[in-house]
Amino acid sequence: MFGYLQHLSDLDGLGKGHIYVRLFNITASDGKTLKGSNNSRYVYSEDSIFIGTSDWTKDDFEDNVGFGLLLNEAASGFYGNEADDNIHQQLKTVFETDWNSDNATPL
């Protein structure tokens, strides 16, 4: 997995955008899983969201059946009418909380 993440990180700066990779450690120093840790499987961008059931590993994509939901700006409710029904903002908040967490470290 780390090789895959390193290759993904190596793509940063090759195009118009950037790719930043961080590891999210859900294991405490005693080896136990942190309480309230999240096991999310999603991709968030400025105009799209992908939420899936598969781990982001080659084996999981090849050997398991999963489900994925792709939403973009055209989807009804993507931005919502109220703060609490805006799936894009809700997922952005979850993503930024994880990304800026003490448990997330640069590759």
C-alpha atoms as a PDB file:
ATOM      1  CA  MET A   1       0.000   0.000   0.000  1.00  0.00           C
ATOM      2  CA  PHE A   2       2.779   2.459   0.811  1.00  0.00           C
ATOM      3  CA  GLY A   3       4.257   1.993  -2.668  1.00  0.00           C
ATOM      4  CA  TYR A   4       0.899   2.880  -4.203  1.00  0.00           C
ATOM      5  CA  LEU A   5       0.604   5.961  -2.011  1.00  0.00           C
ATOM      6  CA  GLN A   6       4.133   7.037  -2.865  1.00  0.00           C
ATOM      7  CA  HIS A   7       3.385   6.709  -6.590  1.00  0.00           C
ATOM      8  CA  LEU A   8       0.229   8.735  -6.082  1.00  0.00           C
ATOM      9  CA  SER A   9       2.221  11.399  -4.240  1.00  0.00           C
ATOM     10  CA  ASP A  10       4.810  11.443  -7.053  1.00  0.00           C
ATOM     11  CA  LEU A  11       2.086  12.693  -9.426  1.00  0.00           C
ATOM     12  CA  ASP A  12       1.914  15.998  -7.535  1.00  0.00           C
ATOM     13  CA  GLY A  13       2.736  18.921  -9.790  1.00  0.00           C
ATOM     14  CA  LEU A  14       2.612  17.008 -13.078  1.00  0.00           C
ATOM     15  CA  GLY A  15      -0.621  18.623 -14.188  1.00  0.00           C
ATOM     16  CA  LYS A  16      -2.554  21.739 -13.320  1.00  0.00           C
ATOM     17  CA  GLY A  17      -3.508  20.596  -9.842  1.00  0.00           C
ATOM     18  CA  HIS A  18      -1.836  19.048  -6.840  1.00  0.00           C
ATOM     19  CA  ILE A  19      -2.023  15.691  -5.088  1.00  0.00           C
ATOM     20  CA  TYR A  20      -1.242  15.602  -1.396  1.00  0.00           C
ATOM     21  CA  VAL A  21      -1.097  12.285   0.443  1.00  0.00           C
ATOM     22  CA  ARG A  22      -1.449  11.825   4.200  1.00  0.00           C
ATOM     23  CA  LEU A  23      -1.710   8.704   6.336  1.00  0.00           C
ATOM     24  CA  PHE A  24      -4.459   8.540   8.919  1.00  0.00           C
ATOM     25  CA  ASN A  25      -3.415   6.344  11.835  1.00  0.00           C
ATOM     26  CA  ILE A  26      -6.349   4.941  13.797  1.00  0.00           C
ATOM     27  CA  THR A  27      -4.169   2.910  16.165  1.00  0.00           C
ATOM     28  CA  ALA A  28      -3.300   4.185  19.626  1.00  0.00           C
ATOM     29  CA  SER A  29       0.157   3.742  21.133  1.00  0.00           C
ATOM     30  CA  ASP A  30      -1.083   0.628  22.959  1.00  0.00           C
ATOM     31  CA  GLY A  31      -1.996  -0.993  19.617  1.00  0.00           C
ATOM     32  CA  LYS A  32      -5.759  -0.663  20.071  1.00  0.00           C
ATOM     33  CA  THR A  33      -8.032   1.094  17.620  1.00  0.00           C
ATOM     34  CA  LEU A  34      -8.887   4.615  18.720  1.00  0.00           C
ATOM     35  CA  LYS A  35     -12.418   5.128  20.018  1.00  0.00           C
ATOM     36  CA  GLY A  36     -14.585   7.054  17.603  1.00  0.00           C
ATOM     37  CA  SER A  37     -12.142   6.452  14.769  1.00  0.00           C
ATOM     38  CA  ASN A  38     -13.513   6.621  11.314  1.00  0.00           C
ATOM     39  CA  ASN A  39     -13.139   4.051   8.580  1.00  0.00           C
ATOM     40  CA  SER A  40     -14.393   6.204   5.731  1.00  0.00           C
ATOM     41  CA  ARG A  41     -14.035   5.326   2.087  1.00  0.00           C
ATOM     42  CA  TYR A  42     -14.602   8.430   0.054  1.00  0.00           C
ATOM     43  CA  VAL A  43     -13.023  10.948  -2.287  1.00  0.00           C
ATOM     44  CA  TYR A  44     -13.885  14.594  -1.931  1.00  0.00           C
ATOM     45  CA  SER A  45     -13.102  17.344  -4.448  1.00  0.00           C
ATOM     46  CA  GLU A  46     -14.344  20.866  -5.063  1.00  0.00           C
ATOM     47  CA  ASP A  47     -17.164  19.709  -7.335  1.00  0.00           C
ATOM     48  CA  SER A  48     -17.597  15.944  -6.818  1.00  0.00           C
ATOM     49  CA  ILE A  49     -17.940  13.303  -4.124  1.00  0.00           C
ATOM     50  CA  PHE A  50     -17.364   9.560  -4.413  1.00  0.00           C
ATOM     51  CA  ILE A  51     -18.522   7.397  -1.508  1.00  0.00           C
ATOM     52  CA  GLY A  52     -17.793   3.678  -1.722  1.00  0.00           C
ATOM     53  CA  THR A  53     -17.660   0.483   0.287  1.00  0.00           C
ATOM     54  CA  SER A  54     -14.285  -0.810  -0.932  1.00  0.00           C
ATOM     55  CA  ASP A  55     -10.912  -0.340   0.687  1.00  0.00           C
ATOM     56  CA  TRP A  56      -8.502   1.462  -1.618  1.00  0.00           C
ATOM     57  CA  THR A  57      -6.394  -1.603  -2.275  1.00  0.00           C
ATOM     58  CA  LYS A  58      -5.843  -3.661  -5.411  1.00  0.00           C
ATOM     59  CA  ASP A  59      -7.066  -6.862  -3.729  1.00  0.00           C
ATOM     60  CA  ASP A  60     -10.292  -5.315  -2.503  1.00  0.00           C
ATOM     61  CA  PHE A  61     -11.177  -3.958  -5.937  1.00  0.00           C
ATOM     62  CA  GLU A  62     -10.307  -7.256  -7.664  1.00  0.00           C
ATOM     63  CA  ASP A  63     -11.699  -9.778  -5.159  1.00  0.00           C
ATOM     64  CA  ASN A  64     -14.737  -8.120  -3.587  1.00  0.00           C
ATOM     65  CA  VAL A  65     -18.022  -6.722  -4.742  1.00  0.00           C
ATOM     66  CA  GLY A  66     -18.536  -3.159  -3.638  1.00  0.00           C
ATOM     67  CA  PHE A  67     -20.817  -0.227  -4.161  1.00  0.00           C
ATOM     68  CA  GLY A  68     -19.952   3.349  -5.048  1.00  0.00           C
ATOM     69  CA  LEU A  69     -21.955   6.527  -5.307  1.00  0.00           C
ATOM     70  CA  LEU A  70     -20.642   9.434  -7.358  1.00  0.00           C
ATOM     71  CA  LEU A  71     -22.281  12.815  -6.877  1.00  0.00           C
ATOM     72  CA  ASN A  72     -21.362  16.009  -8.651  1.00  0.00           C
ATOM     73  CA  GLU A  73     -22.653  19.548  -8.692  1.00  0.00           C
ATOM     74  CA  ALA A  74     -25.616  18.567 -10.866  1.00  0.00           C
ATOM     75  CA  ALA A  75     -26.969  16.145  -8.223  1.00  0.00           C
ATOM     76  CA  SER A  76     -30.072  17.252  -6.397  1.00  0.00           C
ATOM     77  CA  GLY A  77     -29.191  18.225  -2.837  1.00  0.00           C
ATOM     78  CA  PHE A  78     -25.451  18.342  -3.572  1.00  0.00           C
ATOM     79  CA  TYR A  79     -25.193  21.847  -2.181  1.00  0.00           C
ATOM     80  CA  GLY A  80     -28.574  21.695  -0.471  1.00  0.00           C
ATOM     81  CA  ASN A  81     -30.907  24.436   0.561  1.00  0.00           C
ATOM     82  CA  GLU A  82     -29.996  24.487   4.242  1.00  0.00           C
ATOM     83  CA  ALA A  83     -26.716  23.958   6.088  1.00  0.00           C
ATOM     84  CA  ASP A  84     -27.844  20.586   7.465  1.00  0.00           C
ATOM     85  CA  ASP A  85     -28.900  19.086   4.109  1.00  0.00           C
ATOM     86  CA  ASN A  86     -25.765  20.011   2.185  1.00  0.00           C
ATOM     87  CA  ILE A  87     -23.923  16.708   1.626  1.00  0.00           C
ATOM     88  CA  HIS A  88     -20.977  18.460  -0.038  1.00  0.00           C
ATOM     89  CA  GLN A  89     -20.355  20.719   2.979  1.00  0.00           C
ATOM     90  CA  GLN A  90     -20.905  17.845   5.452  1.00  0.00           C
ATOM     91  CA  LEU A  91     -18.311  15.661   3.726  1.00  0.00           C
ATOM     92  CA  LYS A  92     -15.922  18.611   3.375  1.00  0.00           C
ATOM     93  CA  THR A  93     -16.140  19.132   7.148  1.00  0.00           C
ATOM     94  CA  VAL A  94     -15.437  15.438   7.827  1.00  0.00           C
ATOM     95  CA  PHE A  95     -12.530  15.453   5.373  1.00  0.00           C
ATOM     96  CA  GLU A  96     -10.933  18.597   6.805  1.00  0.00           C
ATOM     97  CA  THR A  97     -11.318  17.325  10.367  1.00  0.00           C
ATOM     98  CA  ASP A  98      -9.488  14.106   9.438  1.00  0.00           C
ATOM     99  CA  TRP A  99      -6.890  15.863   7.251  1.00  0.00           C
ATOM    100  CA  ASN A 100      -5.954  18.314  10.019  1.00  0.00           C
ATOM    101  CA  SER A 101      -6.084  15.726  12.801  1.00  0.00           C
ATOM    102  CA  ASP A 102      -3.032  14.833  14.890  1.00  0.00           C
ATOM    103  CA  ASN A 103      -3.582  11.294  13.559  1.00  0.00           C
ATOM    104  CA  ALA A 104      -2.928  12.392   9.946  1.00  0.00           C
ATOM    105  CA  THR A 105       0.696  12.704   8.897  1.00  0.00           C
ATOM    106  CA  PRO A 106       2.331  13.504   5.547  1.00  0.00           C
ATOM    107  CA  LEU A 107       3.600  10.511   3.612  1.00  0.00           C
END
